[in-house]
Amino acid sequence: MDFLGEYDKIVTYIMIGFAILYVAIEVILNVNEAKGDTSNIILLKAAQKKLFFIPFALGAILAHLFLGTEDPNYRMSDSMNPVLILFGVALLSIGIAFLLRLNKKIPIWVLSILLGLGLLYGHLFWSMNYMEAL
């Protein structure tokens, strides 16, 4: 099904351009002399401090793009609801982190659980694949 006509090609080309730009920036950051300035290290440090929604959001986005279920019973909606829920979880986690004044690092195992929960959320409730089954 071609819902957007020519626009889906434009979006695809833009996404490919962003992916190439991201890889180029990562290569530059890996070969420069500064240590610990790649995006994965920066994201890990931020997630371990107060932004612990990052693994959940990354898991949800990855599952949304690559894993989604084809079962229409798990369909949340065609609207912005899944994205708004993800945004709400991010705001809630930031609020919790600042209210609790978390000063110590969040352990990797907690971040791994959040990543797994994000994968489940993106796979079941934010799937792109169920549209093919309808």
N, C-alpha and C. Protein backbone atom coordinates (compact mmCIF):
# COMPACT_ATOMS: atom_id res chain seq x y z
N MET A 1 0.84 -1.18 0.00
CA MET A 1 0.00 0.00 0.00
C MET A 1 0.88 1.24 0.00
N ASP A 2 0.55 2.17 -0.83
CA ASP A 2 1.31 3.39 -0.93
C ASP A 2 0.45 4.54 -0.42
N PHE A 3 0.53 4.80 0.89
CA PHE A 3 -0.32 5.81 1.51
C PHE A 3 0.10 7.22 1.15
N LEU A 4 1.38 7.46 1.09
CA LEU A 4 1.87 8.82 0.96
C LEU A 4 2.38 9.17 -0.43
N GLY A 5 2.34 8.21 -1.33
CA GLY A 5 2.81 8.49 -2.67
C GLY A 5 4.29 8.78 -2.71
N GLU A 6 4.63 9.92 -3.27
CA GLU A 6 6.03 10.31 -3.43
C GLU A 6 6.69 10.71 -2.12
N TYR A 7 5.90 11.09 -1.13
CA TYR A 7 6.47 11.54 0.15
C TYR A 7 7.21 10.44 0.88
N ASP A 8 6.78 9.19 0.74
CA ASP A 8 7.48 8.12 1.46
C ASP A 8 8.91 7.96 0.94
N LYS A 9 9.13 8.21 -0.34
CA LYS A 9 10.50 8.16 -0.88
C LYS A 9 11.34 9.30 -0.31
N ILE A 10 10.75 10.48 -0.21
CA ILE A 10 11.47 11.62 0.34
C ILE A 10 11.87 11.35 1.78
N VAL A 11 10.93 10.82 2.57
CA VAL A 11 11.22 10.51 3.97
C VAL A 11 12.31 9.45 4.06
N THR A 12 12.25 8.44 3.19
CA THR A 12 13.28 7.40 3.18
C THR A 12 14.64 7.99 2.88
N TYR A 13 14.72 8.86 1.90
CA TYR A 13 16.01 9.48 1.55
C TYR A 13 16.52 10.36 2.69
N ILE A 14 15.63 11.07 3.36
CA ILE A 14 16.05 11.89 4.50
C ILE A 14 16.59 11.01 5.61
N MET A 15 15.93 9.90 5.89
CA MET A 15 16.39 8.99 6.95
C MET A 15 17.74 8.36 6.58
N ILE A 16 17.92 8.00 5.33
CA ILE A 16 19.21 7.47 4.88
C ILE A 16 20.30 8.54 5.04
N GLY A 17 19.96 9.78 4.70
CA GLY A 17 20.91 10.87 4.87
C GLY A 17 21.31 11.07 6.32
N PHE A 18 20.33 11.02 7.24
CA PHE A 18 20.64 11.13 8.67
C PHE A 18 21.51 9.97 9.14
N ALA A 19 21.23 8.77 8.65
CA ALA A 19 22.04 7.60 9.05
C ALA A 19 23.48 7.76 8.59
N ILE A 20 23.67 8.21 7.36
CA ILE A 20 25.03 8.41 6.84
C ILE A 20 25.74 9.51 7.63
N LEU A 21 25.03 10.60 7.92
CA LEU A 21 25.61 11.68 8.71
C LEU A 21 25.99 11.20 10.10
N TYR A 22 25.14 10.40 10.73
CA TYR A 22 25.43 9.87 12.06
C TYR A 22 26.68 8.99 12.05
N VAL A 23 26.78 8.10 11.07
CA VAL A 23 27.95 7.23 10.97
C VAL A 23 29.21 8.06 10.74
N ALA A 24 29.12 9.07 9.89
CA ALA A 24 30.29 9.92 9.63
C ALA A 24 30.72 10.65 10.90
N ILE A 25 29.77 11.17 11.65
CA ILE A 25 30.11 11.86 12.91
C ILE A 25 30.73 10.89 13.90
N GLU A 26 30.19 9.67 14.00
CA GLU A 26 30.74 8.67 14.92
C GLU A 26 32.17 8.29 14.53
N VAL A 27 32.45 8.17 13.24
CA VAL A 27 33.81 7.85 12.79
C VAL A 27 34.75 8.98 13.17
N ILE A 28 34.33 10.22 12.94
CA ILE A 28 35.17 11.37 13.31
C ILE A 28 35.42 11.39 14.82
N LEU A 29 34.38 11.13 15.61
CA LEU A 29 34.54 11.14 17.07
C LEU A 29 35.42 9.99 17.56
N ASN A 30 35.39 8.86 16.86
CA ASN A 30 36.22 7.72 17.26
C ASN A 30 37.70 7.94 16.94
N VAL A 31 38.01 8.67 15.89
CA VAL A 31 39.41 8.84 15.51
C VAL A 31 40.04 10.11 16.10
N ASN A 32 39.24 10.97 16.71
CA ASN A 32 39.85 12.17 17.31
C ASN A 32 40.56 11.80 18.61
N GLU A 33 41.21 12.76 19.20
CA GLU A 33 42.05 12.48 20.37
C GLU A 33 41.29 12.51 21.68
N ALA A 34 40.09 13.05 21.71
CA ALA A 34 39.32 13.13 22.95
C ALA A 34 38.76 11.75 23.28
N LYS A 35 38.85 11.38 24.55
CA LYS A 35 38.34 10.08 24.99
C LYS A 35 36.91 10.23 25.49
N GLY A 36 36.09 9.25 25.20
CA GLY A 36 34.73 9.21 25.74
C GLY A 36 33.78 10.23 25.16
N ASP A 37 33.96 10.59 23.90
CA ASP A 37 33.07 11.59 23.31
C ASP A 37 32.15 11.01 22.24
N THR A 38 32.06 9.69 22.14
CA THR A 38 31.14 9.10 21.17
C THR A 38 29.73 9.10 21.75
N SER A 39 28.74 8.98 20.87
CA SER A 39 27.36 9.10 21.31
C SER A 39 26.96 8.00 22.29
N ASN A 40 27.47 6.79 22.10
CA ASN A 40 27.07 5.71 23.02
C ASN A 40 27.60 5.95 24.43
N ILE A 41 28.78 6.50 24.56
CA ILE A 41 29.33 6.80 25.90
C ILE A 41 28.59 7.97 26.52
N ILE A 42 28.29 8.98 25.73
CA ILE A 42 27.55 10.14 26.24
C ILE A 42 26.16 9.72 26.69
N LEU A 43 25.48 8.88 25.89
CA LEU A 43 24.14 8.41 26.27
C LEU A 43 24.18 7.54 27.52
N LEU A 44 25.19 6.68 27.64
CA LEU A 44 25.31 5.83 28.83
C LEU A 44 25.51 6.68 30.08
N LYS A 45 26.39 7.66 30.01
CA LYS A 45 26.63 8.52 31.18
C LYS A 45 25.38 9.31 31.55
N ALA A 46 24.66 9.81 30.55
CA ALA A 46 23.43 10.56 30.83
C ALA A 46 22.37 9.65 31.44
N ALA A 47 22.25 8.42 30.92
CA ALA A 47 21.26 7.48 31.45
C ALA A 47 21.61 7.05 32.87
N GLN A 48 22.88 6.94 33.18
CA GLN A 48 23.29 6.53 34.52
C GLN A 48 23.10 7.65 35.54
N LYS A 49 23.00 8.88 35.08
CA LYS A 49 22.84 10.00 36.03
C LYS A 49 21.36 10.25 36.30
N LYS A 50 20.68 10.96 35.43
CA LYS A 50 19.29 11.30 35.69
C LYS A 50 18.36 11.00 34.52
N LEU A 51 18.87 10.77 33.36
CA LEU A 51 18.03 10.57 32.18
C LEU A 51 17.82 9.08 31.91
N PHE A 52 17.29 8.38 32.90
CA PHE A 52 17.17 6.93 32.76
C PHE A 52 16.03 6.51 31.85
N PHE A 53 15.32 7.44 31.21
CA PHE A 53 14.33 7.09 30.20
C PHE A 53 14.99 6.74 28.87
N ILE A 54 16.25 7.09 28.69
CA ILE A 54 16.93 6.89 27.40
C ILE A 54 16.90 5.43 26.96
N PRO A 55 17.25 4.44 27.81
CA PRO A 55 17.19 3.05 27.35
C PRO A 55 15.78 2.61 26.98
N PHE A 56 14.78 3.05 27.75
CA PHE A 56 13.39 2.70 27.43
C PHE A 56 13.01 3.27 26.07
N ALA A 57 13.32 4.54 25.84
CA ALA A 57 12.98 5.18 24.57
C ALA A 57 13.71 4.54 23.40
N LEU A 58 15.00 4.24 23.57
CA LEU A 58 15.74 3.58 22.49
C LEU A 58 15.17 2.20 22.19
N GLY A 59 14.83 1.45 23.24
CA GLY A 59 14.23 0.13 23.03
C GLY A 59 12.90 0.23 22.30
N ALA A 60 12.07 1.20 22.69
CA ALA A 60 10.77 1.36 22.04
C ALA A 60 10.93 1.75 20.57
N ILE A 61 11.86 2.64 20.29
CA ILE A 61 12.08 3.06 18.90
C ILE A 61 12.63 1.91 18.06
N LEU A 62 13.59 1.17 18.61
CA LEU A 62 14.15 0.03 17.86
C LEU A 62 13.09 -1.02 17.57
N ALA A 63 12.28 -1.35 18.57
CA ALA A 63 11.24 -2.35 18.35
C ALA A 63 10.18 -1.84 17.38
N HIS A 64 9.87 -0.56 17.46
CA HIS A 64 8.90 0.04 16.54
C HIS A 64 9.38 -0.09 15.10
N LEU A 65 10.66 0.17 14.89
CA LEU A 65 11.18 0.15 13.53
C LEU A 65 11.47 -1.24 13.00
N PHE A 66 11.93 -2.16 13.87
CA PHE A 66 12.45 -3.42 13.36
C PHE A 66 11.74 -4.68 13.84
N LEU A 67 10.98 -4.64 14.92
CA LEU A 67 10.45 -5.87 15.49
C LEU A 67 8.93 -6.00 15.48
N GLY A 68 8.20 -4.96 15.32
CA GLY A 68 6.77 -4.91 15.59
C GLY A 68 5.96 -6.15 15.28
N THR A 69 4.94 -6.38 16.09
CA THR A 69 4.06 -7.52 15.92
C THR A 69 3.08 -7.28 14.78
N GLU A 70 2.59 -8.36 14.20
CA GLU A 70 1.58 -8.25 13.15
C GLU A 70 0.19 -8.55 13.68
N ASP A 71 0.07 -8.84 14.96
CA ASP A 71 -1.21 -9.18 15.57
C ASP A 71 -2.01 -7.90 15.83
N PRO A 72 -3.15 -7.72 15.14
CA PRO A 72 -3.92 -6.49 15.33
C PRO A 72 -4.54 -6.37 16.72
N ASN A 73 -4.53 -7.44 17.52
CA ASN A 73 -5.07 -7.35 18.88
C ASN A 73 -4.24 -6.44 19.77
N TYR A 74 -2.98 -6.23 19.43
CA TYR A 74 -2.11 -5.36 20.22
C TYR A 74 -2.07 -3.94 19.70
N ARG A 75 -2.85 -3.68 18.69
CA ARG A 75 -2.83 -2.36 18.08
C ARG A 75 -3.33 -1.32 19.07
N MET A 76 -2.53 -0.28 19.30
CA MET A 76 -2.94 0.79 20.20
C MET A 76 -3.79 1.79 19.44
N SER A 77 -3.27 2.31 18.37
CA SER A 77 -4.03 3.23 17.52
C SER A 77 -3.15 3.66 16.36
N ASP A 78 -3.78 4.32 15.42
CA ASP A 78 -3.03 4.90 14.31
C ASP A 78 -2.63 6.34 14.63
N SER A 79 -2.97 6.80 15.81
CA SER A 79 -2.77 8.20 16.16
C SER A 79 -1.40 8.41 16.82
N MET A 80 -1.29 9.52 17.48
CA MET A 80 -0.05 9.88 18.17
C MET A 80 0.02 9.30 19.57
N ASN A 81 -0.97 8.51 19.99
CA ASN A 81 -0.99 8.01 21.37
C ASN A 81 0.28 7.28 21.79
N PRO A 82 0.82 6.34 21.00
CA PRO A 82 2.06 5.68 21.43
C PRO A 82 3.22 6.64 21.62
N VAL A 83 3.32 7.64 20.77
CA VAL A 83 4.40 8.62 20.89
C VAL A 83 4.18 9.50 22.12
N LEU A 84 2.94 9.89 22.37
CA LEU A 84 2.64 10.70 23.54
C LEU A 84 2.89 9.93 24.83
N ILE A 85 2.59 8.64 24.84
CA ILE A 85 2.88 7.82 26.02
C ILE A 85 4.38 7.75 26.24
N LEU A 86 5.14 7.56 25.18
CA LEU A 86 6.60 7.53 25.29
C LEU A 86 7.14 8.86 25.82
N PHE A 87 6.61 9.95 25.32
CA PHE A 87 7.01 11.28 25.79
C PHE A 87 6.63 11.46 27.26
N GLY A 88 5.44 10.98 27.64
CA GLY A 88 5.01 11.06 29.03
C GLY A 88 5.90 10.26 29.96
N VAL A 89 6.32 9.07 29.52
CA VAL A 89 7.24 8.25 30.32
C VAL A 89 8.57 9.00 30.50
N ALA A 90 9.03 9.65 29.45
CA ALA A 90 10.28 10.42 29.55
C ALA A 90 10.13 11.56 30.56
N LEU A 91 9.05 12.31 30.47
CA LEU A 91 8.84 13.41 31.42
C LEU A 91 8.69 12.90 32.84
N LEU A 92 7.97 11.79 33.01
CA LEU A 92 7.79 11.21 34.34
C LEU A 92 9.12 10.76 34.94
N SER A 93 9.94 10.12 34.13
CA SER A 93 11.23 9.64 34.65
C SER A 93 12.16 10.81 34.99
N ILE A 94 12.13 11.87 34.20
CA ILE A 94 12.94 13.05 34.54
C ILE A 94 12.44 13.66 35.84
N GLY A 95 11.12 13.77 35.98
CA GLY A 95 10.56 14.30 37.22
C GLY A 95 10.92 13.47 38.43
N ILE A 96 10.84 12.15 38.30
CA ILE A 96 11.21 11.26 39.41
C ILE A 96 12.68 11.43 39.77
N ALA A 97 13.53 11.50 38.76
CA ALA A 97 14.97 11.63 39.02
C ALA A 97 15.29 12.92 39.75
N PHE A 98 14.64 14.01 39.37
CA PHE A 98 14.94 15.28 40.02
C PHE A 98 14.27 15.39 41.39
N LEU A 99 13.08 14.81 41.55
CA LEU A 99 12.42 14.83 42.86
C LEU A 99 13.16 13.99 43.89
N LEU A 100 13.66 12.83 43.45
CA LEU A 100 14.38 11.96 44.37
C LEU A 100 15.83 12.39 44.56
N ARG A 101 16.26 13.35 43.76
CA ARG A 101 17.64 13.84 43.82
C ARG A 101 18.64 12.69 43.75
N LEU A 102 18.51 11.93 42.70
CA LEU A 102 19.41 10.79 42.52
C LEU A 102 20.83 11.28 42.30
N ASN A 103 21.72 10.89 43.17
CA ASN A 103 23.11 11.33 43.07
C ASN A 103 24.06 10.21 42.70
N LYS A 104 23.62 8.97 42.80
CA LYS A 104 24.51 7.87 42.44
C LYS A 104 24.12 7.31 41.08
N LYS A 105 25.05 6.61 40.49
CA LYS A 105 24.81 6.03 39.17
C LYS A 105 23.73 4.96 39.24
N ILE A 106 22.91 4.95 38.21
CA ILE A 106 21.92 3.88 38.08
C ILE A 106 22.65 2.67 37.52
N PRO A 107 22.49 1.50 38.14
CA PRO A 107 23.23 0.31 37.68
C PRO A 107 22.84 -0.11 36.26
N ILE A 108 23.79 -0.75 35.60
CA ILE A 108 23.57 -1.21 34.23
C ILE A 108 22.40 -2.18 34.16
N TRP A 109 22.21 -3.03 35.17
CA TRP A 109 21.12 -4.00 35.12
C TRP A 109 19.76 -3.31 35.13
N VAL A 110 19.63 -2.18 35.81
CA VAL A 110 18.37 -1.42 35.79
C VAL A 110 18.15 -0.83 34.40
N LEU A 111 19.20 -0.29 33.82
CA LEU A 111 19.09 0.26 32.46
C LEU A 111 18.77 -0.83 31.46
N SER A 112 19.30 -2.04 31.67
CA SER A 112 19.00 -3.17 30.79
C SER A 112 17.53 -3.58 30.89
N ILE A 113 16.99 -3.56 32.09
CA ILE A 113 15.56 -3.87 32.27
C ILE A 113 14.71 -2.82 31.57
N LEU A 114 15.08 -1.55 31.70
CA LEU A 114 14.35 -0.49 31.01
C LEU A 114 14.42 -0.65 29.50
N LEU A 115 15.58 -1.05 28.99
CA LEU A 115 15.72 -1.31 27.56
C LEU A 115 14.78 -2.44 27.13
N GLY A 116 14.74 -3.51 27.91
CA GLY A 116 13.85 -4.63 27.61
C GLY A 116 12.38 -4.23 27.65
N LEU A 117 12.00 -3.42 28.63
CA LEU A 117 10.61 -2.94 28.70
C LEU A 117 10.28 -2.05 27.50
N GLY A 118 11.24 -1.24 27.08
CA GLY A 118 11.03 -0.42 25.89
C GLY A 118 10.88 -1.27 24.64
N LEU A 119 11.67 -2.34 24.55
CA LEU A 119 11.52 -3.26 23.41
C LEU A 119 10.13 -3.89 23.39
N LEU A 120 9.64 -4.31 24.56
CA LEU A 120 8.30 -4.88 24.63
C LEU A 120 7.24 -3.86 24.24
N TYR A 121 7.36 -2.64 24.74
CA TYR A 121 6.40 -1.59 24.42
C TYR A 121 6.39 -1.32 22.91
N GLY A 122 7.56 -1.14 22.33
CA GLY A 122 7.63 -0.85 20.90
C GLY A 122 7.17 -2.01 20.05
N HIS A 123 7.44 -3.24 20.49
CA HIS A 123 7.05 -4.43 19.74
C HIS A 123 5.54 -4.64 19.77
N LEU A 124 4.95 -4.51 20.93
CA LEU A 124 3.53 -4.83 21.06
C LEU A 124 2.61 -3.65 20.79
N PHE A 125 2.92 -2.49 21.30
CA PHE A 125 1.96 -1.39 21.28
C PHE A 125 2.28 -0.28 20.30
N TRP A 126 3.44 -0.32 19.68
CA TRP A 126 3.80 0.74 18.74
C TRP A 126 4.32 0.12 17.45
N SER A 127 3.70 -0.96 17.04
CA SER A 127 4.16 -1.71 15.88
C SER A 127 3.74 -1.04 14.58
N MET A 128 4.60 -1.12 13.60
CA MET A 128 4.25 -0.67 12.26
C MET A 128 3.73 -1.84 11.43
N ASN A 129 3.97 -3.07 11.88
CA ASN A 129 3.67 -4.23 11.07
C ASN A 129 2.22 -4.67 11.10
N TYR A 130 1.44 -4.28 12.11
CA TYR A 130 0.07 -4.75 12.17
C TYR A 130 -0.76 -4.20 11.03
N MET A 131 -0.35 -3.09 10.45
CA MET A 131 -1.09 -2.52 9.32
C MET A 131 -1.11 -3.47 8.14
N GLU A 132 -0.04 -4.26 7.97
CA GLU A 132 0.01 -5.20 6.86
C GLU A 132 -0.99 -6.33 7.04
N ALA A 133 -1.32 -6.64 8.30
CA ALA A 133 -2.22 -7.75 8.58
C ALA A 133 -3.68 -7.36 8.42
N LEU A 134 -3.98 -6.05 8.38
CA LEU A 134 -5.38 -5.61 8.27
C LEU A 134 -5.90 -5.69 6.86
